[in-house]
Amino acid sequence: MNSIEKNDEKRRSGWSGAAQAAIDGWALAGGFLLLAVVAVNIVSVVGGIFWKPFPGDFELTEMGVAVAAFAFLPYCQLHGSNVTADIFTARASRRWIAIFGSFASLAAIVFATLLLWRMYAGMLSQNEYGYTTAILQIPIWIAYVPALLSLALLIGAAAISIRECGLDLISRKQA
């Protein structure tokens, strides 16, 4: 069991507890959005057989899946559910796993911050030029808003992960 899994078993309190509640709720919202995308596709397929297909189903699927995927990123970071290469840490001590976890969380902060910055610029550009989807005419910049919120939550989740890995290192030194 790595340090992130160990920390996930306990209840977080204070700002990290509030962040965990927000992140868990955001991931659930992403799951419900994915269910809505599936429902739209079912309606479109059945409608295509018996009546007429749902107009713009491809556009809604494209936007919905992208937003949902971003919604899951903070949850995976906070709960230690990201893909890992355990072959490199199979024989590592818990101390080294905590150190690797800290570096991975720092990398997540750097990349999420970079993506947040560039996607914010992209959202402004999409809004400025008035780009919309072809069929439903939905402004494309709208899909950027939840993705940006997801990236901000990812930064918070990674900060909590660094803190907990650091606390794990401190407790290992004292033991």
Protein backbone atom coordinates (compact mmCIF):
# COMPACT_ATOMS: atom_id res chain seq x y z
CA MET A 1 0.00 0.00 0.00
CA ASN A 2 1.58 3.30 -1.01
CA SER A 3 1.41 6.53 1.00
CA ILE A 4 -1.36 8.01 -1.11
CA GLU A 5 -3.56 4.95 -0.58
CA LYS A 6 -2.85 5.10 3.16
CA ASN A 7 -3.78 8.79 3.29
CA ASP A 8 -6.92 8.14 1.28
CA GLU A 9 -8.26 5.81 3.97
CA LYS A 10 -8.50 8.60 6.52
CA ARG A 11 -10.86 11.54 6.51
CA ARG A 12 -9.36 14.83 5.49
CA SER A 13 -10.29 17.91 7.50
CA GLY A 14 -10.04 21.67 7.06
CA TRP A 15 -9.37 23.05 3.61
CA SER A 16 -8.21 19.67 2.29
CA GLY A 17 -11.47 18.09 3.45
CA ALA A 18 -13.48 20.80 1.71
CA ALA A 19 -11.35 20.36 -1.41
CA GLN A 20 -11.90 16.59 -1.29
CA ALA A 21 -15.68 17.09 -1.09
CA ALA A 22 -15.58 19.49 -4.06
CA ILE A 23 -13.34 17.17 -6.08
CA ASP A 24 -15.47 14.09 -5.34
CA GLY A 25 -18.64 16.01 -6.26
CA TRP A 26 -17.04 17.30 -9.44
CA ALA A 27 -16.07 13.75 -10.47
CA LEU A 28 -19.64 12.58 -9.81
CA ALA A 29 -20.92 15.43 -11.98
CA GLY A 30 -18.53 14.26 -14.71
CA GLY A 31 -19.95 10.75 -14.38
CA PHE A 32 -23.51 12.03 -14.69
CA LEU A 33 -22.48 14.06 -17.74
CA LEU A 34 -21.05 10.90 -19.29
CA LEU A 35 -24.34 9.11 -18.60
CA ALA A 36 -26.18 11.98 -20.30
CA VAL A 37 -23.90 11.62 -23.35
CA VAL A 38 -24.72 7.91 -23.49
CA ALA A 39 -28.44 8.73 -23.25
CA VAL A 40 -28.16 11.23 -26.12
CA ASN A 41 -26.45 8.59 -28.24
CA ILE A 42 -29.09 5.98 -27.42
CA VAL A 43 -31.85 8.43 -28.33
CA SER A 44 -30.04 9.27 -31.56
CA VAL A 45 -29.55 5.64 -32.58
CA VAL A 46 -33.09 4.59 -31.69
CA GLY A 47 -34.42 7.78 -33.27
CA GLY A 48 -32.48 7.02 -36.44
CA ILE A 49 -34.13 3.62 -36.65
CA PHE A 50 -37.72 4.63 -35.91
CA TRP A 51 -37.99 8.40 -36.45
CA LYS A 52 -35.16 10.77 -37.05
CA PRO A 53 -31.78 10.96 -35.29
CA PHE A 54 -31.00 13.46 -32.57
CA PRO A 55 -29.50 16.51 -34.30
CA GLY A 56 -26.04 17.42 -33.10
CA ASP A 57 -25.43 14.23 -31.16
CA PHE A 58 -21.81 14.12 -32.33
CA GLU A 59 -21.21 17.68 -31.11
CA LEU A 60 -22.71 16.97 -27.70
CA THR A 61 -20.72 13.74 -27.43
CA GLU A 62 -17.48 15.49 -28.32
CA MET A 63 -17.96 18.28 -25.79
CA GLY A 64 -19.44 16.07 -23.06
CA VAL A 65 -16.71 13.44 -23.14
CA ALA A 66 -13.98 16.10 -23.08
CA VAL A 67 -15.53 17.87 -20.10
CA ALA A 68 -16.10 14.56 -18.27
CA ALA A 69 -12.51 13.43 -18.84
CA PHE A 70 -11.20 16.67 -17.33
CA ALA A 71 -13.61 16.26 -14.38
CA PHE A 72 -12.00 12.93 -13.47
CA LEU A 73 -8.40 14.23 -13.36
CA PRO A 74 -8.54 15.87 -9.89
CA TYR A 75 -10.25 12.81 -8.41
CA CYS A 76 -7.59 10.47 -9.80
CA GLN A 77 -4.84 12.70 -8.44
CA LEU A 78 -6.34 13.04 -4.97
CA HIS A 79 -7.21 9.36 -4.54
CA GLY A 80 -4.01 7.96 -6.05
CA SER A 81 -5.86 6.47 -9.01
CA ASN A 82 -3.55 7.71 -11.75
CA VAL A 83 -1.76 5.18 -13.91
CA THR A 84 1.58 4.27 -12.37
CA ALA A 85 4.55 2.17 -13.40
CA ASP A 86 4.70 -0.10 -10.36
CA ILE A 87 7.58 -2.03 -11.86
CA PHE A 88 9.85 0.84 -10.77
CA THR A 89 8.50 1.03 -7.24
CA ALA A 90 7.75 -2.63 -6.50
CA ARG A 91 10.82 -2.97 -4.26
CA ALA A 92 11.04 0.65 -3.13
CA SER A 93 10.61 1.57 0.50
CA ARG A 94 7.60 3.56 1.64
CA ARG A 95 9.90 6.56 2.05
CA TRP A 96 10.99 6.42 -1.59
CA ILE A 97 7.41 5.91 -2.75
CA ALA A 98 6.44 9.08 -0.83
CA ILE A 99 9.35 10.95 -2.47
CA PHE A 100 8.29 9.73 -5.93
CA GLY A 101 4.70 10.70 -5.12
CA SER A 102 5.82 14.20 -4.20
CA PHE A 103 7.67 14.61 -7.49
CA ALA A 104 4.70 13.24 -9.45
CA SER A 105 2.38 15.69 -7.67
CA LEU A 106 4.76 18.56 -8.38
CA ALA A 107 4.78 17.56 -12.06
CA ALA A 108 0.96 17.51 -11.99
CA ILE A 109 0.95 21.06 -10.59
CA VAL A 110 3.34 22.28 -13.28
CA PHE A 111 1.43 20.67 -16.16
CA ALA A 112 -2.00 21.62 -14.81
CA THR A 113 -0.87 25.23 -14.37
CA LEU A 114 0.52 25.30 -17.90
CA LEU A 115 -2.69 23.79 -19.31
CA LEU A 116 -4.83 26.18 -17.26
CA TRP A 117 -2.93 29.17 -18.63
CA ARG A 118 -3.04 28.03 -22.27
CA MET A 119 -6.63 26.77 -22.18
CA TYR A 120 -7.74 30.06 -20.66
CA ALA A 121 -6.10 31.83 -23.61
CA GLY A 122 -7.78 29.37 -25.97
CA MET A 123 -11.17 30.01 -24.36
CA LEU A 124 -10.75 33.75 -24.81
CA SER A 125 -9.79 33.20 -28.45
CA GLN A 126 -12.81 30.94 -29.09
CA ASN A 127 -15.07 33.56 -27.52
CA GLU A 128 -13.47 36.46 -29.39
CA TYR A 129 -13.90 34.81 -32.78
CA GLY A 130 -17.38 33.50 -31.95
CA TYR A 131 -16.72 29.88 -32.91
CA THR A 132 -19.76 27.63 -32.52
CA THR A 133 -20.61 24.03 -33.25
CA ALA A 134 -21.88 23.43 -36.77
CA ILE A 135 -25.35 22.04 -36.12
CA LEU A 136 -26.49 23.23 -32.69
CA GLN A 137 -24.58 26.53 -32.81
CA ILE A 138 -23.32 26.08 -29.22
CA PRO A 139 -20.46 28.49 -28.48
CA ILE A 140 -17.34 26.33 -28.16
CA TRP A 141 -15.81 28.45 -25.40
CA ILE A 142 -18.51 27.22 -23.01
CA ALA A 143 -16.88 23.76 -22.86
CA TYR A 144 -13.65 25.39 -21.70
CA VAL A 145 -15.17 26.70 -18.45
CA PRO A 146 -15.65 23.32 -16.71
CA ALA A 147 -12.29 22.13 -18.07
CA LEU A 148 -10.59 25.16 -16.51
CA LEU A 149 -12.33 24.49 -13.21
CA SER A 150 -11.15 20.88 -13.40
CA LEU A 151 -7.56 22.03 -13.90
CA ALA A 152 -7.82 24.38 -10.92
CA LEU A 153 -9.12 21.47 -8.82
CA LEU A 154 -6.28 19.32 -10.13
CA ILE A 155 -3.77 21.87 -8.88
CA GLY A 156 -5.46 21.78 -5.46
CA ALA A 157 -5.51 17.97 -5.44
CA ALA A 158 -1.82 17.82 -6.33
CA ALA A 159 -1.01 20.32 -3.57
CA ILE A 160 -2.87 18.12 -1.07
CA SER A 161 -0.97 15.08 -2.37
CA ILE A 162 2.39 16.82 -1.91
CA ARG A 163 1.43 17.84 1.62
CA GLU A 164 0.35 14.30 2.52
CA CYS A 165 3.48 12.75 1.00
CA GLY A 166 5.53 15.21 3.04
CA LEU A 167 3.62 14.32 6.21
CA ASP A 168 4.24 10.66 5.41
CA LEU A 169 7.98 11.34 5.10
CA ILE A 170 8.02 13.20 8.42
CA SER A 171 6.17 10.44 10.22
CA ARG A 172 8.60 7.84 8.78
CA LYS A 173 11.61 9.79 10.13
CA GLN A 174 10.07 10.03 13.60
CA ALA A 175 9.14 6.34 13.75
